[in-house]
N, C-alpha and C. Protein backbone atom coordinates (compact mmCIF):
# COMPACT_ATOMS: atom_id res chain seq x y z
N UNK A 1 9.67 7.17 -207.32
CA UNK A 1 10.68 8.13 -207.73
C UNK A 1 11.82 7.40 -208.43
N UNK A 2 12.36 8.01 -209.45
CA UNK A 2 13.46 7.40 -210.19
C UNK A 2 14.77 7.61 -209.46
N UNK A 3 15.61 6.57 -209.48
CA UNK A 3 16.93 6.63 -208.84
C UNK A 3 17.98 6.32 -209.89
N UNK A 4 19.15 6.96 -209.77
CA UNK A 4 20.21 6.66 -210.72
C UNK A 4 20.75 5.24 -210.51
N UNK A 5 21.07 4.54 -211.61
CA UNK A 5 21.60 3.18 -211.50
C UNK A 5 23.07 3.19 -211.09
N UNK A 6 23.81 4.22 -211.49
CA UNK A 6 25.24 4.29 -211.20
C UNK A 6 25.59 5.67 -210.65
N UNK A 7 26.61 5.69 -209.79
CA UNK A 7 27.11 6.97 -209.27
C UNK A 7 27.86 7.70 -210.39
N UNK A 8 27.61 8.98 -210.51
CA UNK A 8 28.34 9.78 -211.49
C UNK A 8 29.59 10.30 -210.80
N UNK A 9 30.76 9.99 -211.37
CA UNK A 9 32.02 10.35 -210.75
C UNK A 9 32.20 11.87 -210.74
N UNK A 10 33.10 12.33 -209.87
CA UNK A 10 33.34 13.77 -209.75
C UNK A 10 33.92 14.35 -211.04
N UNK A 11 34.79 13.59 -211.69
CA UNK A 11 35.37 14.11 -212.93
C UNK A 11 34.33 14.20 -214.05
N UNK A 12 33.42 13.23 -214.11
CA UNK A 12 32.37 13.27 -215.13
C UNK A 12 31.40 14.42 -214.84
N UNK A 13 31.06 14.63 -213.57
CA UNK A 13 30.18 15.73 -213.18
C UNK A 13 30.83 17.07 -213.50
N UNK A 14 32.13 17.19 -213.19
CA UNK A 14 32.83 18.45 -213.41
C UNK A 14 33.03 18.75 -214.90
N UNK A 15 33.17 17.71 -215.72
CA UNK A 15 33.27 17.93 -217.17
C UNK A 15 32.00 18.56 -217.70
N UNK A 16 30.88 18.16 -217.16
CA UNK A 16 29.60 18.71 -217.59
C UNK A 16 29.46 20.17 -217.17
N UNK A 17 30.10 20.54 -216.08
CA UNK A 17 29.95 21.89 -215.54
C UNK A 17 31.04 22.86 -215.98
N UNK A 18 31.83 22.51 -216.98
CA UNK A 18 32.95 23.37 -217.37
C UNK A 18 32.50 24.73 -217.89
N UNK A 19 31.30 24.83 -218.42
CA UNK A 19 30.84 26.09 -219.00
C UNK A 19 30.25 27.02 -217.96
N UNK A 20 30.02 26.52 -216.74
CA UNK A 20 29.46 27.37 -215.69
C UNK A 20 30.61 27.97 -214.89
N UNK A 21 31.19 29.04 -215.39
CA UNK A 21 32.30 29.65 -214.68
C UNK A 21 32.08 31.15 -214.58
N UNK A 22 32.63 31.72 -213.55
CA UNK A 22 32.49 33.15 -213.34
C UNK A 22 33.44 33.90 -214.28
N UNK A 23 32.98 35.02 -214.81
CA UNK A 23 33.84 35.84 -215.65
C UNK A 23 34.26 37.08 -214.87
N UNK A 24 35.41 37.60 -215.22
CA UNK A 24 35.91 38.79 -214.55
C UNK A 24 35.05 39.99 -214.90
N UNK A 25 34.78 40.88 -213.95
CA UNK A 25 33.96 42.05 -214.25
C UNK A 25 34.69 42.98 -215.22
N UNK A 26 33.94 43.57 -216.14
CA UNK A 26 34.55 44.48 -217.11
C UNK A 26 34.77 45.84 -216.46
N UNK A 27 36.01 46.30 -216.53
CA UNK A 27 36.39 47.56 -215.90
C UNK A 27 36.74 48.56 -216.99
N UNK A 28 36.21 49.77 -216.88
CA UNK A 28 36.49 50.81 -217.86
C UNK A 28 37.02 52.05 -217.13
N UNK A 29 37.49 52.99 -217.92
CA UNK A 29 38.03 54.23 -217.38
C UNK A 29 36.91 55.27 -217.31
N UNK A 30 36.81 55.99 -216.20
CA UNK A 30 35.81 57.04 -216.05
C UNK A 30 36.13 58.18 -217.00
N UNK A 31 35.11 58.66 -217.71
CA UNK A 31 35.31 59.75 -218.67
C UNK A 31 35.56 61.08 -217.97
N UNK A 32 35.11 61.21 -216.72
CA UNK A 32 35.24 62.47 -216.01
C UNK A 32 36.60 62.59 -215.30
N UNK A 33 36.93 61.60 -214.46
CA UNK A 33 38.16 61.71 -213.67
C UNK A 33 39.27 60.78 -214.12
N UNK A 34 38.98 59.78 -214.96
CA UNK A 34 40.00 58.87 -215.45
C UNK A 34 40.28 57.69 -214.54
N UNK A 35 39.56 57.57 -213.44
CA UNK A 35 39.72 56.45 -212.52
C UNK A 35 39.06 55.21 -213.11
N UNK A 36 39.46 54.03 -212.64
CA UNK A 36 38.87 52.78 -213.12
C UNK A 36 37.55 52.54 -212.39
N UNK A 37 36.53 52.07 -213.13
CA UNK A 37 35.21 51.83 -212.54
C UNK A 37 34.56 50.66 -213.26
N UNK A 38 33.53 50.08 -212.64
CA UNK A 38 32.76 49.02 -213.28
C UNK A 38 31.87 49.62 -214.36
N UNK A 39 31.66 48.88 -215.43
CA UNK A 39 30.81 49.36 -216.53
C UNK A 39 29.37 49.51 -216.06
N UNK A 40 28.67 50.46 -216.61
CA UNK A 40 27.25 50.73 -216.35
C UNK A 40 26.98 51.05 -214.88
N UNK A 41 27.94 51.65 -214.20
CA UNK A 41 27.77 52.06 -212.81
C UNK A 41 28.41 53.43 -212.63
N UNK A 42 27.95 54.16 -211.61
CA UNK A 42 28.53 55.46 -211.32
C UNK A 42 29.95 55.28 -210.81
N UNK A 43 30.80 56.23 -211.09
CA UNK A 43 32.19 56.19 -210.65
C UNK A 43 32.24 56.34 -209.12
N UNK A 44 32.93 55.44 -208.41
CA UNK A 44 32.97 55.54 -206.95
C UNK A 44 33.78 56.72 -206.44
N UNK A 45 34.70 57.25 -207.26
CA UNK A 45 35.53 58.35 -206.77
C UNK A 45 34.91 59.72 -207.03
N UNK A 46 34.33 59.93 -208.22
CA UNK A 46 33.78 61.26 -208.52
C UNK A 46 32.25 61.28 -208.57
N UNK A 47 31.60 60.13 -208.73
CA UNK A 47 30.15 60.07 -208.71
C UNK A 47 29.48 60.37 -210.04
N UNK A 48 30.24 60.43 -211.12
CA UNK A 48 29.65 60.74 -212.42
C UNK A 48 29.25 59.46 -213.14
N UNK A 49 28.14 59.53 -213.89
CA UNK A 49 27.70 58.44 -214.75
C UNK A 49 27.09 59.05 -215.99
N UNK A 50 27.56 58.67 -217.15
CA UNK A 50 27.06 59.14 -218.45
C UNK A 50 27.15 60.66 -218.55
N UNK A 51 28.22 61.24 -218.02
CA UNK A 51 28.48 62.68 -218.16
C UNK A 51 27.77 63.58 -217.19
N UNK A 52 27.07 63.01 -216.22
CA UNK A 52 26.40 63.87 -215.24
C UNK A 52 26.59 63.31 -213.83
N UNK A 53 26.51 64.20 -212.84
CA UNK A 53 26.71 63.79 -211.45
C UNK A 53 25.48 63.06 -210.94
N UNK A 54 25.70 61.89 -210.33
CA UNK A 54 24.59 61.07 -209.85
C UNK A 54 24.50 61.05 -208.33
N UNK A 55 25.55 61.45 -207.63
CA UNK A 55 25.53 61.43 -206.18
C UNK A 55 24.84 62.66 -205.64
N UNK A 56 23.99 62.47 -204.64
CA UNK A 56 23.33 63.58 -203.97
C UNK A 56 24.21 63.98 -202.80
N UNK A 57 24.54 65.26 -202.65
CA UNK A 57 25.41 65.66 -201.54
C UNK A 57 24.75 65.37 -200.19
N UNK A 58 25.56 64.94 -199.24
CA UNK A 58 25.07 64.65 -197.89
C UNK A 58 25.05 65.91 -197.04
N UNK A 59 23.87 66.50 -196.88
CA UNK A 59 23.78 67.71 -196.04
C UNK A 59 22.45 67.78 -195.33
């Protein structure tokens, strides 16, 4: 098995990983109620997605 000849320092390792970062989730306004919601998901307050109700009533 191959072994590294030298230890890679933390700063050198971290420089290589600068592009692997988390991005903030995109938040949009619900077209039905105007509340803020995540993109491409049903609205948590009113349950609408793409102009129609997606939540099934609990009964």
